[in-house]
Structure formats: structure tokens, C-alpha cells
């Protein structure tokens, strides 16, 4: 079973990491949550699943990567609680 990774944020930092991870075998299951729908298509071409729902992305992941600007943390992080469980790594 491959690792499932969720990126919260779909900007340049997340895209660079997704590109690197996409080359692994077995490839991890990567989900990127970004409110910017224009980024979804380019991330999907890298093999990532995309969503605008942060809690859903977190719920299906073993590893969660916060790929957001620090000033966004107070807005974004509380919304992750709905999909969080003790077995996840941040």
C-alpha cells in the first residue's frame, strides 16, 4: 500500500514537491487542496488528485503538508480539524 499525502495549498512550493514525489515508485497517492481552481489542472497532470475541501483532503491522508503562507495558518488550520485523527503526521 502506498503512502497517501495531502498538501494544503497548491502554490509553487506544493507544486515543486508534487513534481518530485510523482517520480517515486510506488508513487504515493497525492491530494492537493487549493481554493484556486486554476491550479487544479496542472496538478492533475502530475498525477495529483485535487479538491477545494481541506478537511476532505486531510481525512484521506496519512501525511499532511501545510504548503501555505504563514499568515494564512490562523484561517486554514482550524478547518483541518474535521478530517483530523491521531494517526496523521503533520
Protein backbone atom coordinates (compact mmCIF):
# COMPACT_ATOMS: atom_id res chain seq x y z
CA UNK A 1 0.00 0.00 0.00
CA UNK A 2 1.41 3.39 -0.94
CA UNK A 3 1.52 6.39 1.31
CA UNK A 4 -1.24 8.97 0.99
CA UNK A 5 -0.13 12.59 1.19
CA UNK A 6 -2.30 15.69 1.33
CA UNK A 7 -0.95 19.12 0.51
CA UNK A 8 -2.92 22.01 1.92
CA UNK A 9 -2.15 24.73 -0.58
CA UNK A 10 -1.40 24.35 -4.26
CA UNK A 11 1.12 27.08 -4.97
CA UNK A 12 4.72 26.93 -6.10
CA UNK A 13 6.02 25.12 -3.01
CA UNK A 14 3.41 22.34 -3.22
CA UNK A 15 3.83 22.00 -6.99
CA UNK A 16 7.59 21.55 -6.66
CA UNK A 17 7.15 18.83 -4.02
CA UNK A 18 4.42 17.07 -6.01
CA UNK A 19 6.72 17.01 -9.07
CA UNK A 20 9.45 15.33 -7.03
CA UNK A 21 7.11 12.83 -5.38
CA UNK A 22 5.43 11.91 -8.66
CA UNK A 23 8.61 10.17 -9.78
CA UNK A 24 8.69 7.74 -6.85
CA UNK A 25 7.76 4.09 -7.31
CA UNK A 26 5.44 3.11 -5.93
CA UNK A 27 4.00 6.56 -6.33
CA UNK A 28 2.28 7.96 -3.25
CA UNK A 29 -1.37 8.94 -3.53
CA UNK A 30 -1.21 12.72 -3.59
CA UNK A 31 -4.13 15.05 -2.98
CA UNK A 32 -3.76 18.81 -3.21
CA UNK A 33 -6.36 21.10 -1.70
CA UNK A 34 -6.38 24.58 -3.14
CA UNK A 35 -9.11 27.18 -3.35
CA UNK A 36 -7.58 28.32 -6.64
CA UNK A 37 -9.28 26.09 -9.20
CA UNK A 38 -6.97 27.33 -11.95
CA UNK A 39 -4.13 25.36 -10.34
CA UNK A 40 -6.07 22.08 -10.33
CA UNK A 41 -5.49 21.12 -13.97
CA UNK A 42 -1.70 21.49 -13.80
CA UNK A 43 -1.55 19.48 -10.57
CA UNK A 44 -3.72 16.76 -12.08
CA UNK A 45 -1.29 16.39 -14.99
CA UNK A 46 1.33 15.50 -12.36
CA UNK A 47 -0.92 12.70 -11.11
CA UNK A 48 -2.35 14.50 -8.09
CA UNK A 49 -5.98 14.47 -7.09
CA UNK A 50 -7.32 17.96 -6.43
CA UNK A 51 -10.03 19.43 -4.27
CA UNK A 52 -11.07 22.70 -2.70
CA UNK A 53 -12.05 20.94 0.54
CA UNK A 54 -9.17 20.94 3.03
CA UNK A 55 -10.92 18.68 5.55
CA UNK A 56 -11.64 16.06 2.87
CA UNK A 57 -8.02 16.12 1.71
CA UNK A 58 -6.80 15.63 5.29
CA UNK A 59 -9.30 12.87 6.04
CA UNK A 60 -7.87 10.64 3.32
CA UNK A 61 -4.19 11.23 4.08
CA UNK A 62 -1.56 9.68 6.31
CA UNK A 63 0.82 12.62 5.90
CA UNK A 64 -0.33 16.24 5.74
CA UNK A 65 1.89 19.01 4.38
CA UNK A 66 0.96 22.62 5.09
CA UNK A 67 2.03 24.42 1.92
CA UNK A 68 0.51 27.76 2.82
CA UNK A 69 1.86 31.17 3.64
CA UNK A 70 2.39 31.60 7.41
CA UNK A 71 -0.17 34.41 7.64
CA UNK A 72 -2.85 32.01 6.33
CA UNK A 73 -2.37 29.48 9.15
CA UNK A 74 -4.89 31.04 11.55
CA UNK A 75 -7.54 30.86 8.83
CA UNK A 76 -6.70 27.46 7.33
CA UNK A 77 -5.59 25.23 10.23
CA UNK A 78 -8.83 25.27 12.29
CA UNK A 79 -10.70 23.92 9.25
CA UNK A 80 -8.49 20.81 9.19
CA UNK A 81 -9.88 19.52 12.48
CA UNK A 82 -12.93 17.94 10.84
CA UNK A 83 -10.73 15.48 8.96
CA UNK A 84 -8.03 15.02 11.59
CA UNK A 85 -7.23 11.86 13.57
CA UNK A 86 -4.36 10.88 15.87
CA UNK A 87 -2.69 8.64 13.27
CA UNK A 88 -1.79 11.51 10.92
CA UNK A 89 1.61 13.16 10.61
CA UNK A 90 1.83 16.91 10.01
